[in-house]
PDB file of all heavy atoms in Angstrom:
ATOM      1  N   LEU A   1       0.171   9.639 -14.880  1.00  0.00           N
ATOM      2  CA  LEU A   1       0.402   8.976 -16.148  1.00  0.00           C
ATOM      3  C   LEU A   1      -0.902   8.338 -16.672  1.00  0.00           C
ATOM      4  O   LEU A   1      -1.776   7.966 -15.901  1.00  0.00           O
ATOM      5  CB  LEU A   1       1.435   7.865 -15.973  1.00  0.00           C
ATOM      6  CG  LEU A   1       2.813   8.275 -15.492  1.00  0.00           C
ATOM      7  CD1 LEU A   1       3.666   7.068 -15.159  1.00  0.00           C
ATOM      8  CD2 LEU A   1       3.529   9.159 -16.524  1.00  0.00           C
ATOM      9  N   PRO A   2      -1.002   8.183 -18.007  1.00  0.00           N
ATOM     10  CA  PRO A   2      -2.146   7.444 -18.533  1.00  0.00           C
ATOM     11  C   PRO A   2      -2.130   5.983 -17.982  1.00  0.00           C
ATOM     12  O   PRO A   2      -1.072   5.460 -17.722  1.00  0.00           O
ATOM     13  CB  PRO A   2      -1.897   7.426 -20.062  1.00  0.00           C
ATOM     14  CG  PRO A   2      -0.920   8.539 -20.286  1.00  0.00           C
ATOM     15  CD  PRO A   2      -0.103   8.673 -19.045  1.00  0.00           C
ATOM     16  N   ALA A   3      -3.273   5.394 -17.807  1.00  0.00           N
ATOM     17  CA  ALA A   3      -3.388   4.096 -17.169  1.00  0.00           C
ATOM     18  C   ALA A   3      -2.460   3.014 -17.722  1.00  0.00           C
ATOM     19  O   ALA A   3      -1.790   2.324 -16.963  1.00  0.00           O
ATOM     20  CB  ALA A   3      -4.861   3.616 -17.180  1.00  0.00           C
ATOM     21  N   PRO A   4      -2.387   2.840 -19.069  1.00  0.00           N
ATOM     22  CA  PRO A   4      -1.483   1.778 -19.587  1.00  0.00           C
ATOM     23  C   PRO A   4      -0.009   2.043 -19.228  1.00  0.00           C
ATOM     24  O   PRO A   4       0.733   1.137 -18.966  1.00  0.00           O
ATOM     25  CB  PRO A   4      -1.688   1.783 -21.095  1.00  0.00           C
ATOM     26  CG  PRO A   4      -2.953   2.532 -21.307  1.00  0.00           C
ATOM     27  CD  PRO A   4      -3.128   3.456 -20.153  1.00  0.00           C
ATOM     28  N   VAL A   5       0.365   3.308 -19.235  1.00  0.00           N
ATOM     29  CA  VAL A   5       1.744   3.688 -18.897  1.00  0.00           C
ATOM     30  C   VAL A   5       1.990   3.438 -17.399  1.00  0.00           C
ATOM     31  O   VAL A   5       3.013   2.926 -17.005  1.00  0.00           O
ATOM     32  CB  VAL A   5       2.060   5.153 -19.313  1.00  0.00           C
ATOM     33  CG1 VAL A   5       3.465   5.543 -18.893  1.00  0.00           C
ATOM     34  CG2 VAL A   5       1.844   5.336 -20.812  1.00  0.00           C
ATOM     35  N   TYR A   6       1.008   3.843 -16.591  1.00  0.00           N
ATOM     36  CA  TYR A   6       1.078   3.597 -15.134  1.00  0.00           C
ATOM     37  C   TYR A   6       1.351   2.125 -14.872  1.00  0.00           C
ATOM     38  O   TYR A   6       2.226   1.786 -14.056  1.00  0.00           O
ATOM     39  CB  TYR A   6      -0.221   4.060 -14.497  1.00  0.00           C
ATOM     40  CG  TYR A   6      -0.313   3.694 -13.018  1.00  0.00           C
ATOM     41  CD1 TYR A   6       0.091   4.584 -12.038  1.00  0.00           C
ATOM     42  CD2 TYR A   6      -0.833   2.464 -12.616  1.00  0.00           C
ATOM     43  CE1 TYR A   6       0.008   4.265 -10.673  1.00  0.00           C
ATOM     44  CE2 TYR A   6      -0.928   2.123 -11.271  1.00  0.00           C
ATOM     45  CZ  TYR A   6      -0.515   3.044 -10.317  1.00  0.00           C
ATOM     46  OH  TYR A   6      -0.604   2.688  -8.982  1.00  0.00           O
ATOM     47  N   VAL A   7       0.596   1.267 -15.509  1.00  0.00           N
ATOM     48  CA  VAL A   7       0.756  -0.171 -15.274  1.00  0.00           C
ATOM     49  C   VAL A   7       2.166  -0.633 -15.681  1.00  0.00           C
ATOM     50  O   VAL A   7       2.835  -1.357 -14.898  1.00  0.00           O
ATOM     51  CB  VAL A   7      -0.343  -0.988 -16.067  1.00  0.00           C
ATOM     52  CG1 VAL A   7      -0.020  -2.479 -16.068  1.00  0.00           C
ATOM     53  CG2 VAL A   7      -1.708  -0.696 -15.454  1.00  0.00           C
ATOM     54  N   ASN A   8       2.612  -0.240 -16.854  1.00  0.00           N
ATOM     55  CA  ASN A   8       3.934  -0.659 -17.317  1.00  0.00           C
ATOM     56  C   ASN A   8       5.071  -0.137 -16.445  1.00  0.00           C
ATOM     57  O   ASN A   8       5.981  -0.854 -16.107  1.00  0.00           O
ATOM     58  CB  ASN A   8       4.172  -0.223 -18.773  1.00  0.00           C
ATOM     59  CG  ASN A   8       3.348  -1.042 -19.715  1.00  0.00           C
ATOM     60  OD1 ASN A   8       3.000  -2.213 -19.457  1.00  0.00           O
ATOM     61  ND2 ASN A   8       2.964  -0.454 -20.856  1.00  0.00           N
ATOM     62  N   VAL A   9       4.995   1.126 -16.016  1.00  0.00           N
ATOM     63  CA  VAL A   9       6.022   1.701 -15.176  1.00  0.00           C
ATOM     64  C   VAL A   9       5.982   1.045 -13.811  1.00  0.00           C
ATOM     65  O   VAL A   9       7.038   0.718 -13.254  1.00  0.00           O
ATOM     66  CB  VAL A   9       5.855   3.236 -15.067  1.00  0.00           C
ATOM     67  CG1 VAL A   9       6.777   3.820 -14.028  1.00  0.00           C
ATOM     68  CG2 VAL A   9       6.100   3.884 -16.428  1.00  0.00           C
ATOM     69  N   SER A  10       4.788   0.796 -13.266  1.00  0.00           N
ATOM     70  CA  SER A  10       4.698   0.130 -11.985  1.00  0.00           C
ATOM     71  C   SER A  10       5.334  -1.242 -12.016  1.00  0.00           C
ATOM     72  O   SER A  10       6.044  -1.640 -11.082  1.00  0.00           O
ATOM     73  CB  SER A  10       3.224   0.015 -11.537  1.00  0.00           C
ATOM     74  OG  SER A  10       2.646   1.270 -11.348  1.00  0.00           O
ATOM     75  N   ARG A  11       5.081  -1.983 -13.082  1.00  0.00           N
ATOM     76  CA  ARG A  11       5.685  -3.304 -13.230  1.00  0.00           C
ATOM     77  C   ARG A  11       7.196  -3.223 -13.267  1.00  0.00           C
ATOM     78  O   ARG A  11       7.885  -4.088 -12.659  1.00  0.00           O
ATOM     79  CB  ARG A  11       5.179  -3.961 -14.531  1.00  0.00           C
ATOM     80  CG  ARG A  11       3.792  -4.498 -14.415  1.00  0.00           C
ATOM     81  CD  ARG A  11       3.384  -5.160 -15.682  1.00  0.00           C
ATOM     82  NE  ARG A  11       1.998  -5.629 -15.557  1.00  0.00           N
ATOM     83  CZ  ARG A  11       1.214  -5.926 -16.569  1.00  0.00           C
ATOM     84  NH1 ARG A  11       1.684  -5.769 -17.821  1.00  0.00           N
ATOM     85  NH2 ARG A  11       0.009  -6.339 -16.389  1.00  0.00           N
ATOM     86  N   GLN A  12       7.742  -2.215 -13.944  1.00  0.00           N
ATOM     87  CA  GLN A  12       9.160  -2.040 -13.976  1.00  0.00           C
ATOM     88  C   GLN A  12       9.766  -1.781 -12.580  1.00  0.00           C
ATOM     89  O   GLN A  12      10.804  -2.306 -12.230  1.00  0.00           O
ATOM     90  CB  GLN A  12       9.586  -0.939 -14.931  1.00  0.00           C
ATOM     91  CG  GLN A  12       9.300  -1.259 -16.405  1.00  0.00           C
ATOM     92  CD  GLN A  12      10.127  -2.458 -16.866  1.00  0.00           C
ATOM     93  OE1 GLN A  12      11.308  -2.584 -16.553  1.00  0.00           O
ATOM     94  NE2 GLN A  12       9.517  -3.349 -17.613  1.00  0.00           N
ATOM     95  N   ILE A  13       9.086  -0.968 -11.819  1.00  0.00           N
ATOM     96  CA  ILE A  13       9.534  -0.655 -10.453  1.00  0.00           C
ATOM     97  C   ILE A  13       9.477  -1.928  -9.601  1.00  0.00           C
ATOM     98  O   ILE A  13      10.408  -2.222  -8.852  1.00  0.00           O
ATOM     99  CB  ILE A  13       8.675   0.499  -9.852  1.00  0.00           C
ATOM    100  CG1 ILE A  13       8.927   1.781 -10.629  1.00  0.00           C
ATOM    101  CG2 ILE A  13       8.994   0.656  -8.360  1.00  0.00           C
ATOM    102  CD1 ILE A  13       7.949   2.902 -10.304  1.00  0.00           C
ATOM    103  N   ILE A  14       8.416  -2.666  -9.720  1.00  0.00           N
ATOM    104  CA  ILE A  14       8.255  -3.910  -8.960  1.00  0.00           C
ATOM    105  C   ILE A  14       9.332  -4.905  -9.337  1.00  0.00           C
ATOM    106  O   ILE A  14       9.944  -5.563  -8.455  1.00  0.00           O
ATOM    107  CB  ILE A  14       6.838  -4.465  -9.151  1.00  0.00           C
ATOM    108  CG1 ILE A  14       5.823  -3.551  -8.463  1.00  0.00           C
ATOM    109  CG2 ILE A  14       6.741  -5.913  -8.648  1.00  0.00           C
ATOM    110  CD1 ILE A  14       4.379  -3.792  -8.836  1.00  0.00           C
ATOM    111  N   ARG A  15       9.648  -5.023 -10.622  1.00  0.00           N
ATOM    112  CA  ARG A  15      10.746  -5.892 -11.049  1.00  0.00           C
ATOM    113  C   ARG A  15      12.057  -5.411 -10.512  1.00  0.00           C
ATOM    114  O   ARG A  15      12.881  -6.206 -10.062  1.00  0.00           O
ATOM    115  CB  ARG A  15      10.788  -5.964 -12.585  1.00  0.00           C
ATOM    116  CG  ARG A  15       9.748  -6.864 -13.175  1.00  0.00           C
ATOM    117  CD  ARG A  15       9.955  -7.051 -14.665  1.00  0.00           C
ATOM    118  NE  ARG A  15       8.809  -7.724 -15.228  1.00  0.00           N
ATOM    119  CZ  ARG A  15       7.929  -7.196 -16.048  1.00  0.00           C
ATOM    120  NH1 ARG A  15       8.076  -5.947 -16.487  1.00  0.00           N
ATOM    121  NH2 ARG A  15       6.928  -7.882 -16.513  1.00  0.00           N
ATOM    122  N   ALA A  16      12.291  -4.103 -10.561  1.00  0.00           N
ATOM    123  CA  ALA A  16      13.547  -3.537 -10.083  1.00  0.00           C
ATOM    124  C   ALA A  16      13.735  -3.831  -8.580  1.00  0.00           C
ATOM    125  O   ALA A  16      14.841  -4.050  -8.129  1.00  0.00           O
ATOM    126  CB  ALA A  16      13.592  -2.021 -10.322  1.00  0.00           C
ATOM    127  N   ALA A  17      12.622  -3.852  -7.840  1.00  0.00           N
ATOM    128  CA  ALA A  17      12.706  -4.148  -6.406  1.00  0.00           C
ATOM    129  C   ALA A  17      12.925  -5.636  -6.151  1.00  0.00           C
ATOM    130  O   ALA A  17      13.173  -6.034  -5.009  1.00  0.00           O
ATOM    131  CB  ALA A  17      11.428  -3.669  -5.726  1.00  0.00           C
ATOM    132  N   GLY A  18      12.807  -6.442  -7.192  1.00  0.00           N
ATOM    133  CA  GLY A  18      12.987  -7.872  -7.037  1.00  0.00           C
ATOM    134  C   GLY A  18      11.746  -8.596  -6.495  1.00  0.00           C
ATOM    135  O   GLY A  18      11.846  -9.680  -5.960  1.00  0.00           O
ATOM    136  N   LEU A  19      10.580  -7.964  -6.688  1.00  0.00           N
ATOM    137  CA  LEU A  19       9.362  -8.555  -6.167  1.00  0.00           C
ATOM    138  C   LEU A  19       8.588  -9.379  -7.181  1.00  0.00           C
ATOM    139  O   LEU A  19       7.526  -9.918  -6.852  1.00  0.00           O
ATOM    140  CB  LEU A  19       8.432  -7.425  -5.647  1.00  0.00           C
ATOM    141  CG  LEU A  19       9.027  -6.567  -4.545  1.00  0.00           C
ATOM    142  CD1 LEU A  19       7.990  -5.579  -4.038  1.00  0.00           C
ATOM    143  CD2 LEU A  19       9.545  -7.395  -3.406  1.00  0.00           C
ATOM    144  N   SER A  20       9.084  -9.447  -8.379  1.00  0.00           N
ATOM    145  CA  SER A  20       8.407 -10.232  -9.408  1.00  0.00           C
ATOM    146  C   SER A  20       9.130 -11.565  -9.511  1.00  0.00           C
ATOM    147  O   SER A  20      10.332 -11.625  -9.749  1.00  0.00           O
ATOM    148  CB  SER A  20       8.470  -9.502 -10.738  1.00  0.00           C
ATOM    149  OG  SER A  20       7.910 -10.290 -11.761  1.00  0.00           O
ATOM    150  N   ILE A  21       8.393 -12.658  -9.316  1.00  0.00           N
ATOM    151  CA  ILE A  21       8.959 -13.992  -9.438  1.00  0.00           C
ATOM    152  C   ILE A  21       8.481 -14.551 -10.771  1.00  0.00           C
ATOM    153  O   ILE A  21       7.320 -14.766 -11.006  1.00  0.00           O
ATOM    154  CB  ILE A  21       8.539 -14.913  -8.301  1.00  0.00           C
ATOM    155  CG1 ILE A  21       8.968 -14.301  -6.968  1.00  0.00           C
ATOM    156  CG2 ILE A  21       9.092 -16.303  -8.491  1.00  0.00           C
ATOM    157  CD1 ILE A  21       8.430 -15.045  -5.771  1.00  0.00           C
ATOM    158  N   ASP A  22       9.406 -14.741 -11.690  1.00  0.00           N
ATOM    159  CA  ASP A  22       9.061 -15.239 -13.040  1.00  0.00           C
ATOM    160  C   ASP A  22       8.721 -16.721 -12.970  1.00  0.00           C
ATOM    161  O   ASP A  22       9.221 -17.458 -12.128  1.00  0.00           O
ATOM    162  CB  ASP A  22      10.243 -15.055 -14.010  1.00  0.00           C
ATOM    163  CG  ASP A  22      10.576 -13.586 -14.249  1.00  0.00           C
ATOM    164  OD1 ASP A  22       9.648 -12.761 -14.154  1.00  0.00           O
ATOM    165  OD2 ASP A  22      11.758 -13.291 -14.466  1.00  0.00           O
ATOM    166  N   ASP A  23       7.878 -17.167 -13.918  1.00  0.00           N
ATOM    167  CA  ASP A  23       7.489 -18.565 -13.991  1.00  0.00           C
ATOM    168  C   ASP A  23       8.712 -19.472 -14.097  1.00  0.00           C
ATOM    169  O   ASP A  23       8.744 -20.513 -13.455  1.00  0.00           O
ATOM    170  CB  ASP A  23       6.598 -18.813 -15.225  1.00  0.00           C
ATOM    171  CG  ASP A  23       5.190 -18.288 -14.997  1.00  0.00           C
ATOM    172  OD1 ASP A  23       4.832 -17.990 -13.840  1.00  0.00           O
ATOM    173  OD2 ASP A  23       4.435 -18.191 -15.987  1.00  0.00           O
ATOM    174  N   ALA A  24       9.701 -19.074 -14.882  1.00  0.00           N
ATOM    175  CA  ALA A  24      10.888 -19.913 -15.067  1.00  0.00           C
ATOM    176  C   ALA A  24      11.628 -20.071 -13.747  1.00  0.00           C
ATOM    177  O   ALA A  24      12.156 -21.162 -13.425  1.00  0.00           O
ATOM    178  CB  ALA A  24      11.814 -19.318 -16.121  1.00  0.00           C
ATOM    179  N   ASP A  25      11.657 -19.041 -12.934  1.00  0.00           N
ATOM    180  CA  ASP A  25      12.330 -19.083 -11.638  1.00  0.00           C
ATOM    181  C   ASP A  25      11.645 -20.064 -10.718  1.00  0.00           C
ATOM    182  O   ASP A  25      12.280 -20.863 -10.043  1.00  0.00           O
ATOM    183  CB  ASP A  25      12.329 -17.659 -11.035  1.00  0.00           C
ATOM    184  CG  ASP A  25      13.192 -17.573  -9.790  1.00  0.00           C
ATOM    185  OD1 ASP A  25      14.272 -18.197  -9.760  1.00  0.00           O
ATOM    186  OD2 ASP A  25      12.777 -16.836  -8.871  1.00  0.00           O
ATOM    187  N   VAL A  26      10.307 -20.055 -10.673  1.00  0.00           N
ATOM    188  CA  VAL A  26       9.549 -20.966  -9.818  1.00  0.00           C
ATOM    189  C   VAL A  26       9.730 -22.396 -10.334  1.00  0.00           C
ATOM    190  O   VAL A  26       9.971 -23.325  -9.553  1.00  0.00           O
ATOM    191  CB  VAL A  26       8.055 -20.583  -9.795  1.00  0.00           C
ATOM    192  CG1 VAL A  26       7.243 -21.619  -9.043  1.00  0.00           C
ATOM    193  CG2 VAL A  26       7.902 -19.230  -9.164  1.00  0.00           C
ATOM    194  N   SER A  27       9.660 -22.616 -11.628  1.00  0.00           N
ATOM    195  CA  SER A  27       9.794 -23.944 -12.182  1.00  0.00           C
ATOM    196  C   SER A  27      11.181 -24.534 -11.876  1.00  0.00           C
ATOM    197  O   SER A  27      11.308 -25.714 -11.572  1.00  0.00           O
ATOM    198  CB  SER A  27       9.586 -23.929 -13.713  1.00  0.00           C
ATOM    199  OG  SER A  27       8.255 -23.586 -13.994  1.00  0.00           O
ATOM    200  N   ALA A  28      12.176 -23.714 -11.946  1.00  0.00           N
ATOM    201  CA  ALA A  28      13.553 -24.163 -11.655  1.00  0.00           C
ATOM    202  C   ALA A  28      13.710 -24.657 -10.204  1.00  0.00           C
ATOM    203  O   ALA A  28      14.548 -25.467  -9.915  1.00  0.00           O
ATOM    204  CB  ALA A  28      14.547 -23.074 -11.927  1.00  0.00           C
TER     205      ALA A  28
END
């Protein structure tokens, strides 16, 4: 994939795996 698409798709996979902790989640 083109680099910007690679980054966006990778982020979606990481979020789907539950590995992304959002700022709001940490603050809570």
